[in-house]
């Protein structure tokens, strides 16, 4: 006779967000609060300014058996050849890993926010140009702690099924246009 089979439910891998800055950190903090998603969101995993730091943090999460969701802007890698090579190498390194999800946006995360309101993937030369257009919809939008720490701006983004609309727009556009966002991939993981 063998050992009795346990009917214990297997634990799902922990999801950890790794990101560039405070905008991404506050956005996902509020998303977690609004929708009740389960993921690790710590300051340690944010403020990543180099791809080397991001790589190190991804390796830590993966080594612990978790899922790493990496949220970052690709505008610098589009302008600086050395950064483009580093980013290409990072993508290649984790390309086949199902537990590493890249949620990059070009030029910036504000483009993802804009998709909640507009069906566009036109060219924006930098984050400021997207922010200018976004401010037509989120009138007080500012990249400041005082603004970002309040949940209301994210609630406003997601009102009236706008989050679902942004997900579908980003998925439809993919990387075919001048601007793109892969942040919808994070929601695919959150909702599993």
N, C-alpha and C. Protein backbone atom coordinates (compact mmCIF):
# COMPACT_ATOMS: atom_id res chain seq x y z
N UNK A 1 0.83 -1.19 0.00
CA UNK A 1 0.00 0.00 0.00
C UNK A 1 0.87 1.25 0.00
N UNK A 2 0.45 2.22 -0.76
CA UNK A 2 1.18 3.47 -0.82
C UNK A 2 0.67 4.44 0.23
N UNK A 3 1.32 5.57 0.28
CA UNK A 3 0.89 6.62 1.20
C UNK A 3 -0.42 7.21 0.74
N UNK A 4 -1.25 7.64 1.67
CA UNK A 4 -2.51 8.26 1.27
C UNK A 4 -2.25 9.54 0.48
N UNK A 5 -3.06 9.78 -0.51
CA UNK A 5 -2.94 10.97 -1.35
C UNK A 5 -3.57 12.14 -0.63
N UNK A 6 -2.86 13.22 -0.57
CA UNK A 6 -3.36 14.43 0.09
C UNK A 6 -4.28 15.18 -0.86
N UNK A 7 -5.34 15.68 -0.32
CA UNK A 7 -6.28 16.47 -1.12
C UNK A 7 -6.04 17.97 -0.93
N UNK A 8 -4.90 18.31 -0.37
CA UNK A 8 -4.60 19.72 -0.17
C UNK A 8 -4.45 20.42 -1.51
N UNK A 9 -4.99 21.60 -1.57
CA UNK A 9 -4.89 22.40 -2.78
C UNK A 9 -3.46 22.94 -2.92
N UNK A 10 -2.92 22.82 -4.09
CA UNK A 10 -1.56 23.30 -4.34
C UNK A 10 -1.58 24.83 -4.40
N UNK A 11 -0.58 25.44 -3.77
CA UNK A 11 -0.50 26.89 -3.76
C UNK A 11 -0.08 27.41 -5.14
N UNK A 12 -0.72 28.48 -5.55
CA UNK A 12 -0.34 29.13 -6.80
C UNK A 12 0.96 29.90 -6.58
N UNK A 13 1.78 30.02 -7.61
CA UNK A 13 3.02 30.80 -7.46
C UNK A 13 2.70 32.25 -7.12
N UNK A 14 3.54 32.85 -6.28
CA UNK A 14 3.35 34.24 -5.93
C UNK A 14 3.69 35.13 -7.13
N UNK A 15 2.85 36.12 -7.34
CA UNK A 15 3.07 37.10 -8.40
C UNK A 15 3.73 38.32 -7.78
N UNK A 16 4.82 38.75 -8.37
CA UNK A 16 5.54 39.92 -7.88
C UNK A 16 5.68 40.93 -9.01
N UNK A 17 5.31 42.17 -8.73
CA UNK A 17 5.48 43.24 -9.72
C UNK A 17 6.83 43.91 -9.52
N UNK A 18 7.53 44.11 -10.63
CA UNK A 18 8.80 44.80 -10.65
C UNK A 18 8.62 45.97 -11.61
N UNK A 19 8.97 47.17 -11.17
CA UNK A 19 8.70 48.31 -12.03
C UNK A 19 9.68 49.44 -11.90
N UNK A 20 9.48 50.40 -12.78
CA UNK A 20 10.41 51.53 -12.88
C UNK A 20 10.24 52.58 -11.81
N UNK A 21 9.03 53.03 -11.58
CA UNK A 21 8.91 54.20 -10.73
C UNK A 21 7.63 54.29 -9.96
N UNK A 22 7.42 55.48 -9.40
CA UNK A 22 6.28 55.65 -8.51
C UNK A 22 4.94 55.63 -9.24
N UNK A 23 4.89 56.04 -10.50
CA UNK A 23 3.62 56.01 -11.22
C UNK A 23 3.13 54.57 -11.32
N UNK A 24 4.01 53.68 -11.75
CA UNK A 24 3.65 52.27 -11.87
C UNK A 24 3.30 51.68 -10.51
N UNK A 25 4.08 52.02 -9.50
CA UNK A 25 3.85 51.48 -8.17
C UNK A 25 2.49 51.90 -7.63
N UNK A 26 2.17 53.18 -7.72
CA UNK A 26 0.88 53.64 -7.21
C UNK A 26 -0.28 53.08 -8.05
N UNK A 27 -0.12 53.04 -9.35
CA UNK A 27 -1.17 52.50 -10.20
C UNK A 27 -1.53 51.07 -9.78
N UNK A 28 -0.53 50.22 -9.65
CA UNK A 28 -0.80 48.83 -9.31
C UNK A 28 -1.22 48.66 -7.85
N UNK A 29 -0.82 49.56 -6.98
CA UNK A 29 -1.31 49.54 -5.59
C UNK A 29 -2.81 49.78 -5.59
N UNK A 30 -3.24 50.77 -6.36
CA UNK A 30 -4.67 51.10 -6.41
C UNK A 30 -5.47 50.02 -7.15
N UNK A 31 -4.91 49.46 -8.20
CA UNK A 31 -5.58 48.37 -8.92
C UNK A 31 -5.82 47.19 -7.97
N UNK A 32 -4.81 46.86 -7.19
CA UNK A 32 -4.94 45.75 -6.22
C UNK A 32 -6.06 46.06 -5.22
N UNK A 33 -6.11 47.27 -4.74
CA UNK A 33 -7.13 47.67 -3.78
C UNK A 33 -8.54 47.64 -4.40
N UNK A 34 -8.67 48.16 -5.60
CA UNK A 34 -9.98 48.25 -6.26
C UNK A 34 -10.52 46.87 -6.64
N UNK A 35 -9.65 46.02 -7.19
CA UNK A 35 -10.11 44.74 -7.73
C UNK A 35 -9.81 43.54 -6.84
N UNK A 36 -9.03 43.74 -5.79
CA UNK A 36 -8.73 42.64 -4.88
C UNK A 36 -7.78 41.60 -5.46
N UNK A 37 -6.98 41.98 -6.44
CA UNK A 37 -6.00 41.05 -7.01
C UNK A 37 -4.93 40.73 -5.96
N UNK A 38 -4.33 39.58 -6.11
CA UNK A 38 -3.30 39.13 -5.17
C UNK A 38 -1.94 39.17 -5.85
N UNK A 39 -1.07 40.06 -5.39
CA UNK A 39 0.31 40.12 -5.86
C UNK A 39 1.15 40.91 -4.88
N UNK A 40 2.45 40.66 -4.97
CA UNK A 40 3.41 41.36 -4.11
C UNK A 40 3.79 42.67 -4.79
N UNK A 41 3.70 43.72 -4.01
CA UNK A 41 4.01 45.06 -4.50
C UNK A 41 4.76 45.78 -3.39
N UNK A 42 6.07 45.79 -3.48
CA UNK A 42 6.90 46.40 -2.44
C UNK A 42 7.81 47.45 -3.07
N UNK A 43 8.12 48.50 -2.30
CA UNK A 43 9.05 49.51 -2.84
C UNK A 43 10.37 48.90 -3.30
N UNK A 44 10.81 47.83 -2.66
CA UNK A 44 12.06 47.17 -3.06
C UNK A 44 12.06 46.80 -4.54
N UNK A 45 10.92 46.41 -5.06
CA UNK A 45 10.82 45.96 -6.44
C UNK A 45 10.56 47.11 -7.42
N UNK A 46 10.47 48.33 -6.91
CA UNK A 46 10.24 49.48 -7.78
C UNK A 46 11.41 50.44 -7.71
N UNK A 47 11.40 51.40 -8.60
CA UNK A 47 12.51 52.34 -8.67
C UNK A 47 13.68 51.75 -9.43
N UNK A 48 13.41 50.66 -10.15
CA UNK A 48 14.45 50.01 -10.94
C UNK A 48 14.80 50.92 -12.11
N UNK A 49 16.00 51.46 -12.09
CA UNK A 49 16.37 52.39 -13.15
C UNK A 49 17.30 51.76 -14.18
N UNK A 50 17.82 50.57 -13.86
CA UNK A 50 18.69 49.94 -14.84
C UNK A 50 18.16 48.55 -15.17
N UNK A 51 18.44 48.12 -16.38
CA UNK A 51 18.01 46.79 -16.80
C UNK A 51 18.76 45.71 -16.03
N UNK A 52 19.97 46.03 -15.59
CA UNK A 52 20.74 45.09 -14.78
C UNK A 52 20.03 44.84 -13.45
N UNK A 53 19.52 45.91 -12.81
CA UNK A 53 18.77 45.76 -11.56
C UNK A 53 17.49 44.96 -11.79
N UNK A 54 16.82 45.25 -12.89
CA UNK A 54 15.59 44.53 -13.20
C UNK A 54 15.89 43.04 -13.39
N UNK A 55 16.95 42.74 -14.10
CA UNK A 55 17.34 41.35 -14.33
C UNK A 55 17.60 40.64 -13.00
N UNK A 56 18.31 41.30 -12.10
CA UNK A 56 18.61 40.72 -10.79
C UNK A 56 17.34 40.44 -10.00
N UNK A 57 16.40 41.37 -10.02
CA UNK A 57 15.14 41.20 -9.28
C UNK A 57 14.28 40.11 -9.92
N UNK A 58 14.27 40.03 -11.24
CA UNK A 58 13.54 38.95 -11.93
C UNK A 58 14.12 37.61 -11.49
N UNK A 59 15.44 37.51 -11.49
CA UNK A 59 16.10 36.25 -11.10
C UNK A 59 15.74 35.85 -9.68
N UNK A 60 15.64 36.82 -8.76
CA UNK A 60 15.25 36.53 -7.37
C UNK A 60 13.84 35.95 -7.31
N UNK A 61 12.91 36.56 -8.01
CA UNK A 61 11.52 36.11 -8.00
C UNK A 61 11.41 34.72 -8.61
N UNK A 62 12.04 34.51 -9.75
CA UNK A 62 11.99 33.23 -10.44
C UNK A 62 12.63 32.13 -9.58
N UNK A 63 13.76 32.44 -8.96
CA UNK A 63 14.45 31.46 -8.10
C UNK A 63 13.56 31.04 -6.92
N UNK A 64 12.69 31.93 -6.48
CA UNK A 64 11.77 31.64 -5.39
C UNK A 64 10.50 30.95 -5.86
N UNK A 65 10.43 30.62 -7.14
CA UNK A 65 9.26 29.92 -7.68
C UNK A 65 8.09 30.83 -8.01
N UNK A 66 8.33 32.13 -8.06
CA UNK A 66 7.26 33.08 -8.33
C UNK A 66 7.14 33.48 -9.79
N UNK A 67 6.17 34.34 -10.04
CA UNK A 67 5.95 34.93 -11.35
C UNK A 67 6.37 36.39 -11.27
N UNK A 68 7.24 36.82 -12.17
CA UNK A 68 7.71 38.21 -12.21
C UNK A 68 6.99 38.95 -13.33
N UNK A 69 6.28 40.00 -12.96
CA UNK A 69 5.64 40.87 -13.94
C UNK A 69 6.42 42.18 -13.94
N UNK A 70 7.03 42.50 -15.07
CA UNK A 70 7.93 43.65 -15.19
C UNK A 70 7.25 44.77 -15.95
N UNK A 71 7.08 45.91 -15.29
CA UNK A 71 6.38 47.05 -15.86
C UNK A 71 7.37 48.18 -16.06
N UNK A 72 7.55 48.60 -17.32
CA UNK A 72 8.54 49.64 -17.59
C UNK A 72 8.25 50.32 -18.93
N UNK A 73 8.86 51.49 -19.10
CA UNK A 73 8.74 52.26 -20.33
C UNK A 73 9.91 51.91 -21.25
N UNK A 74 9.67 51.97 -22.55
CA UNK A 74 10.76 51.64 -23.49
C UNK A 74 11.23 52.85 -24.30
N UNK A 75 10.83 54.04 -23.90
CA UNK A 75 11.22 55.22 -24.66
C UNK A 75 12.74 55.42 -24.70
N UNK A 76 13.42 55.17 -23.59
CA UNK A 76 14.88 55.36 -23.56
C UNK A 76 15.56 54.35 -24.49
N UNK A 77 15.10 53.10 -24.45
CA UNK A 77 15.73 52.08 -25.31
C UNK A 77 15.47 52.34 -26.79
N UNK A 78 14.47 53.12 -27.09
CA UNK A 78 14.22 53.49 -28.49
C UNK A 78 15.20 54.57 -28.95
N UNK A 79 15.69 55.38 -28.02
CA UNK A 79 16.57 56.50 -28.37
C UNK A 79 18.05 56.18 -28.19
N UNK A 80 18.37 55.27 -27.25
CA UNK A 80 19.76 54.99 -26.90
C UNK A 80 20.10 53.56 -27.31
N UNK A 81 21.01 53.43 -28.26
CA UNK A 81 21.35 52.13 -28.83
C UNK A 81 21.86 51.14 -27.78
N UNK A 82 22.68 51.60 -26.84
CA UNK A 82 23.21 50.72 -25.80
C UNK A 82 22.09 50.14 -24.94
N UNK A 83 21.10 50.97 -24.62
CA UNK A 83 19.95 50.49 -23.83
C UNK A 83 19.10 49.52 -24.64
N UNK A 84 18.98 49.79 -25.92
CA UNK A 84 18.22 48.89 -26.79
C UNK A 84 18.85 47.50 -26.81
N UNK A 85 20.17 47.44 -26.88
CA UNK A 85 20.87 46.15 -26.87
C UNK A 85 20.66 45.42 -25.55
N UNK A 86 20.72 46.15 -24.44
CA UNK A 86 20.50 45.54 -23.12
C UNK A 86 19.08 45.00 -23.00
N UNK A 87 18.10 45.78 -23.49
CA UNK A 87 16.71 45.35 -23.41
C UNK A 87 16.47 44.12 -24.28
N UNK A 88 17.04 44.11 -25.48
CA UNK A 88 16.92 42.96 -26.38
C UNK A 88 17.51 41.72 -25.71
N UNK A 89 18.64 41.87 -25.06
CA UNK A 89 19.26 40.74 -24.36
C UNK A 89 18.39 40.24 -23.20
N UNK A 90 17.77 41.17 -22.48
CA UNK A 90 16.88 40.80 -21.37
C UNK A 90 15.66 40.03 -21.90
N UNK A 91 15.07 40.54 -22.97
CA UNK A 91 13.93 39.85 -23.59
C UNK A 91 14.33 38.44 -24.03
N UNK A 92 15.49 38.35 -24.65
CA UNK A 92 15.96 37.06 -25.15
C UNK A 92 16.21 36.07 -24.00
N UNK A 93 16.78 36.58 -22.92
CA UNK A 93 17.10 35.73 -21.77
C UNK A 93 15.85 35.07 -21.18
N UNK A 94 14.75 35.84 -21.12
CA UNK A 94 13.54 35.35 -20.47
C UNK A 94 12.41 35.01 -21.45
N UNK A 95 12.70 35.07 -22.72
CA UNK A 95 11.70 34.86 -23.77
C UNK A 95 10.87 33.59 -23.59
N UNK A 96 11.49 32.51 -23.22
CA UNK A 96 10.81 31.22 -23.12
C UNK A 96 10.29 30.92 -21.71
N UNK A 97 10.48 31.83 -20.79
CA UNK A 97 10.05 31.62 -19.40
C UNK A 97 8.60 32.07 -19.23
N UNK A 98 7.73 31.13 -18.90
CA UNK A 98 6.32 31.46 -18.70
C UNK A 98 6.08 32.26 -17.43
N UNK A 99 7.05 32.25 -16.52
CA UNK A 99 6.87 32.95 -15.25
C UNK A 99 7.52 34.34 -15.25
N UNK A 100 7.87 34.84 -16.43
CA UNK A 100 8.37 36.22 -16.57
C UNK A 100 7.52 36.90 -17.64
N UNK A 101 6.82 37.95 -17.23
CA UNK A 101 5.91 38.66 -18.12
C UNK A 101 6.40 40.09 -18.26
N UNK A 102 6.70 40.49 -19.48
CA UNK A 102 7.13 41.87 -19.74
C UNK A 102 5.93 42.70 -20.14
N UNK A 103 5.68 43.73 -19.36
CA UNK A 103 4.57 44.65 -19.60
C UNK A 103 5.13 46.03 -19.90
N UNK A 104 5.81 46.10 -21.03
CA UNK A 104 6.45 47.35 -21.44
C UNK A 104 5.47 48.23 -22.20
N UNK A 105 5.74 49.52 -22.17
CA UNK A 105 4.91 50.50 -22.88
C UNK A 105 5.82 51.48 -23.61
N UNK A 106 5.41 51.86 -24.81
CA UNK A 106 6.13 52.86 -25.59
C UNK A 106 5.18 53.99 -25.93
N UNK A 107 5.47 55.23 -25.56
CA UNK A 107 6.70 55.65 -24.92
C UNK A 107 6.69 55.46 -23.40
N UNK A 108 5.48 55.39 -22.78
CA UNK A 108 5.43 55.35 -21.31
C UNK A 108 4.10 54.77 -20.85
N UNK A 109 3.99 54.52 -19.55
CA UNK A 109 2.77 53.95 -18.98
C UNK A 109 1.57 54.86 -19.22
N UNK A 110 1.82 56.14 -19.38
CA UNK A 110 0.70 57.06 -19.64
C UNK A 110 -0.04 56.70 -20.93
N UNK A 111 0.66 56.08 -21.87
CA UNK A 111 -0.02 55.61 -23.07
C UNK A 111 -1.07 54.56 -22.69
N UNK A 112 -0.73 53.66 -21.77
CA UNK A 112 -1.70 52.67 -21.28
C UNK A 112 -2.92 53.38 -20.67
N UNK A 113 -2.67 54.42 -19.89
CA UNK A 113 -3.77 55.17 -19.29
C UNK A 113 -4.63 55.81 -20.38
N UNK A 114 -3.99 56.35 -21.40
CA UNK A 114 -4.71 56.99 -22.49
C UNK A 114 -5.63 56.01 -23.22
N UNK A 115 -5.22 54.75 -23.32
CA UNK A 115 -6.05 53.73 -23.98
C UNK A 115 -7.40 53.53 -23.28
N UNK A 116 -7.52 53.95 -22.06
CA UNK A 116 -8.80 53.87 -21.35
C UNK A 116 -9.81 54.84 -21.95
N UNK A 117 -9.30 55.85 -22.67
CA UNK A 117 -10.15 56.91 -23.21
C UNK A 117 -10.13 56.99 -24.73
N UNK A 118 -9.00 56.65 -25.35
CA UNK A 118 -8.86 56.83 -26.80
C UNK A 118 -8.41 55.55 -27.48
N UNK A 119 -8.92 55.36 -28.67
CA UNK A 119 -8.55 54.21 -29.50
C UNK A 119 -7.46 54.68 -30.47
N UNK A 120 -6.22 54.72 -29.98
CA UNK A 120 -5.13 55.25 -30.79
C UNK A 120 -3.83 54.51 -30.52
N UNK A 121 -3.02 54.38 -31.53
CA UNK A 121 -1.65 53.92 -31.34
C UNK A 121 -0.71 54.77 -32.19
N UNK A 122 -1.06 56.06 -32.29
CA UNK A 122 -0.24 57.00 -33.05
C UNK A 122 1.09 57.25 -32.35
N UNK A 123 1.97 57.91 -33.02
CA UNK A 123 3.30 58.22 -32.51
C UNK A 123 3.24 59.34 -31.46
N UNK A 124 3.88 59.08 -30.33
CA UNK A 124 4.11 60.10 -29.30
C UNK A 124 5.62 60.15 -29.11
N UNK A 125 6.21 61.32 -29.26
CA UNK A 125 7.67 61.39 -29.21
C UNK A 125 8.26 61.21 -27.81
N UNK A 126 7.45 61.37 -26.76
CA UNK A 126 7.92 61.14 -25.41
C UNK A 126 6.75 61.06 -24.44
N UNK A 127 7.06 60.78 -23.18
CA UNK A 127 6.02 60.66 -22.17
C UNK A 127 5.24 61.96 -21.99
N UNK A 128 5.92 63.08 -22.08
CA UNK A 128 5.24 64.37 -21.90
C UNK A 128 4.14 64.59 -22.92
N UNK A 129 4.36 64.17 -24.16
CA UNK A 129 3.33 64.35 -25.18
C UNK A 129 2.10 63.49 -24.90
N UNK A 130 2.31 62.31 -24.34
CA UNK A 130 1.17 61.46 -23.95
C UNK A 130 0.47 62.08 -22.75
N UNK A 131 1.24 62.56 -21.78
CA UNK A 131 0.66 63.18 -20.59
C UNK A 131 -0.22 64.37 -20.97
N UNK A 132 0.23 65.16 -21.95
CA UNK A 132 -0.56 66.31 -22.41
C UNK A 132 -1.92 65.86 -22.92
N UNK A 133 -1.94 64.80 -23.71
CA UNK A 133 -3.21 64.30 -24.23
C UNK A 133 -4.05 63.65 -23.13
N UNK A 134 -3.41 62.93 -22.24
CA UNK A 134 -4.11 62.29 -21.12
C UNK A 134 -4.79 63.32 -20.23
N UNK A 135 -4.16 64.48 -20.07
CA UNK A 135 -4.72 65.52 -19.21
C UNK A 135 -6.05 66.07 -19.72
N UNK A 136 -6.41 65.77 -20.96
CA UNK A 136 -7.73 66.13 -21.47
C UNK A 136 -8.82 65.28 -20.83
N UNK A 137 -8.45 64.11 -20.33
CA UNK A 137 -9.39 63.17 -19.73
C UNK A 137 -9.25 63.09 -18.21
N UNK A 138 -8.02 63.03 -17.74
CA UNK A 138 -7.73 63.09 -16.30
C UNK A 138 -7.21 64.49 -16.04
N UNK A 139 -8.12 65.40 -15.79
CA UNK A 139 -7.81 66.83 -15.79
C UNK A 139 -6.67 67.24 -14.87
N UNK A 140 -6.54 66.61 -13.73
CA UNK A 140 -5.51 67.01 -12.78
C UNK A 140 -4.29 66.10 -12.79
N UNK A 141 -4.16 65.23 -13.80
CA UNK A 141 -3.09 64.23 -13.79
C UNK A 141 -1.72 64.88 -13.63
N UNK A 142 -0.97 64.39 -12.63
CA UNK A 142 0.38 64.87 -12.36
C UNK A 142 1.22 63.69 -11.89
N UNK A 143 2.47 63.68 -12.25
CA UNK A 143 3.40 62.66 -11.76
C UNK A 143 4.01 63.16 -10.46
N UNK A 144 3.17 63.27 -9.46
CA UNK A 144 3.63 63.70 -8.15
C UNK A 144 3.04 62.77 -7.11
N UNK A 145 3.73 62.60 -6.01
CA UNK A 145 3.26 61.73 -4.95
C UNK A 145 1.90 62.18 -4.45
N UNK A 146 1.71 63.48 -4.28
CA UNK A 146 0.45 64.02 -3.77
C UNK A 146 -0.72 63.57 -4.65
N UNK A 147 -0.52 63.57 -5.95
CA UNK A 147 -1.60 63.15 -6.87
C UNK A 147 -1.70 61.62 -6.93
N UNK A 148 -0.59 60.96 -7.16
CA UNK A 148 -0.60 59.52 -7.43
C UNK A 148 -1.02 58.68 -6.24
N UNK A 149 -0.78 59.15 -5.02
CA UNK A 149 -1.12 58.34 -3.85
C UNK A 149 -2.62 58.24 -3.61
N UNK A 150 -3.40 59.10 -4.24
CA UNK A 150 -4.86 59.06 -4.10
C UNK A 150 -5.43 58.05 -5.09
N UNK A 151 -6.30 57.20 -4.60
CA UNK A 151 -6.87 56.14 -5.43
C UNK A 151 -7.84 56.65 -6.49
N UNK A 152 -8.35 57.84 -6.33
CA UNK A 152 -9.40 58.35 -7.20
C UNK A 152 -9.01 58.36 -8.68
N UNK A 153 -7.78 58.72 -9.00
CA UNK A 153 -7.40 58.79 -10.42
C UNK A 153 -7.47 57.43 -11.08
N UNK A 154 -7.15 56.36 -10.35
CA UNK A 154 -7.24 55.02 -10.92
C UNK A 154 -8.70 54.59 -10.99
N UNK A 155 -9.48 54.94 -9.98
CA UNK A 155 -10.92 54.65 -10.03
C UNK A 155 -11.56 55.34 -11.23
N UNK A 156 -11.16 56.58 -11.48
CA UNK A 156 -11.67 57.30 -12.65
C UNK A 156 -11.25 56.62 -13.96
N UNK A 157 -10.00 56.16 -14.02
CA UNK A 157 -9.53 55.44 -15.21
C UNK A 157 -10.39 54.21 -15.50
N UNK A 158 -10.76 53.51 -14.46
CA UNK A 158 -11.43 52.22 -14.61
C UNK A 158 -12.95 52.32 -14.63
N UNK A 159 -13.50 53.50 -14.40
CA UNK A 159 -14.95 53.67 -14.38
C UNK A 159 -15.56 53.30 -15.73
N UNK A 160 -16.80 52.89 -15.70
CA UNK A 160 -17.57 52.61 -16.92
C UNK A 160 -16.89 51.58 -17.83
N UNK A 161 -16.30 50.56 -17.23
CA UNK A 161 -15.67 49.47 -18.01
C UNK A 161 -14.49 49.94 -18.86
N UNK A 162 -13.91 51.09 -18.51
CA UNK A 162 -12.79 51.62 -19.30
C UNK A 162 -11.56 50.72 -19.23
N UNK A 163 -11.37 50.02 -18.12
CA UNK A 163 -10.23 49.11 -18.02
C UNK A 163 -10.37 48.00 -19.06
N UNK A 164 -11.56 47.45 -19.18
CA UNK A 164 -11.78 46.38 -20.17
C UNK A 164 -11.54 46.89 -21.59
N UNK A 165 -11.96 48.12 -21.83
CA UNK A 165 -11.76 48.73 -23.15
C UNK A 165 -10.26 48.89 -23.42
N UNK A 166 -9.51 49.37 -22.42
CA UNK A 166 -8.05 49.55 -22.59
C UNK A 166 -7.37 48.21 -22.85
N UNK A 167 -7.78 47.18 -22.14
CA UNK A 167 -7.20 45.85 -22.34
C UNK A 167 -7.42 45.38 -23.77
N UNK A 168 -8.63 45.53 -24.25
CA UNK A 168 -8.94 45.08 -25.62
C UNK A 168 -8.20 45.92 -26.66
N UNK A 169 -8.12 47.22 -26.44
CA UNK A 169 -7.39 48.07 -27.39
C UNK A 169 -5.91 47.70 -27.44
N UNK A 170 -5.30 47.54 -26.28
CA UNK A 170 -3.87 47.20 -26.23
C UNK A 170 -3.63 45.84 -26.87
N UNK A 171 -4.50 44.89 -26.61
CA UNK A 171 -4.37 43.55 -27.19
C UNK A 171 -4.50 43.61 -28.72
N UNK A 172 -5.47 44.38 -29.19
CA UNK A 172 -5.71 44.52 -30.63
C UNK A 172 -4.53 45.18 -31.34
N UNK A 173 -3.99 46.24 -30.75
CA UNK A 173 -2.88 46.94 -31.38
C UNK A 173 -1.59 46.13 -31.34
N UNK A 174 -1.38 45.40 -30.24
CA UNK A 174 -0.10 44.69 -30.10
C UNK A 174 1.03 45.70 -30.23
N UNK A 175 2.07 45.31 -30.94
CA UNK A 175 3.20 46.23 -31.16
C UNK A 175 3.21 46.73 -32.61
N UNK A 176 2.04 46.81 -33.23
CA UNK A 176 1.97 47.17 -34.65
C UNK A 176 2.05 48.66 -34.92
N UNK A 177 1.79 49.49 -33.94
CA UNK A 177 1.77 50.92 -34.19
C UNK A 177 3.00 51.63 -33.67
N UNK A 178 2.92 52.92 -33.68
CA UNK A 178 4.02 53.76 -33.21
C UNK A 178 4.10 53.76 -31.68
N UNK A 179 2.99 53.47 -31.03
CA UNK A 179 2.94 53.38 -29.56
C UNK A 179 2.29 52.05 -29.22
N UNK A 180 2.64 51.52 -28.05
CA UNK A 180 2.03 50.25 -27.63
C UNK A 180 2.12 50.12 -26.11
N UNK A 181 1.35 49.19 -25.59
CA UNK A 181 1.44 48.83 -24.18
C UNK A 181 1.10 47.36 -24.02
N UNK A 182 1.92 46.66 -23.27
CA UNK A 182 1.68 45.26 -22.97
C UNK A 182 1.17 45.06 -21.54
N UNK A 183 0.68 46.11 -20.92
CA UNK A 183 0.21 46.01 -19.54
C UNK A 183 -1.00 45.09 -19.44
N UNK A 184 -1.73 44.92 -20.52
CA UNK A 184 -2.87 43.99 -20.50
C UNK A 184 -2.44 42.59 -20.09
N UNK A 185 -1.18 42.23 -20.35
CA UNK A 185 -0.68 40.89 -20.01
C UNK A 185 -0.68 40.67 -18.49
N UNK A 186 -0.47 41.74 -17.73
CA UNK A 186 -0.52 41.62 -16.26
C UNK A 186 -1.93 41.22 -15.82
N UNK A 187 -2.94 41.82 -16.44
CA UNK A 187 -4.31 41.50 -16.07
C UNK A 187 -4.67 40.07 -16.45
N UNK A 188 -4.10 39.57 -17.53
CA UNK A 188 -4.30 38.16 -17.90
C UNK A 188 -3.82 37.26 -16.77
N UNK A 189 -2.69 37.60 -16.16
CA UNK A 189 -2.12 36.81 -15.06
C UNK A 189 -2.94 37.00 -13.79
N UNK A 190 -3.31 38.23 -13.45
CA UNK A 190 -4.08 38.50 -12.24
C UNK A 190 -5.39 37.72 -12.23
N UNK A 191 -5.99 37.56 -13.40
CA UNK A 191 -7.33 36.98 -13.49
C UNK A 191 -7.35 35.45 -13.63
N UNK A 192 -6.19 34.84 -13.63
CA UNK A 192 -6.15 33.36 -13.74
C UNK A 192 -6.62 32.72 -12.47
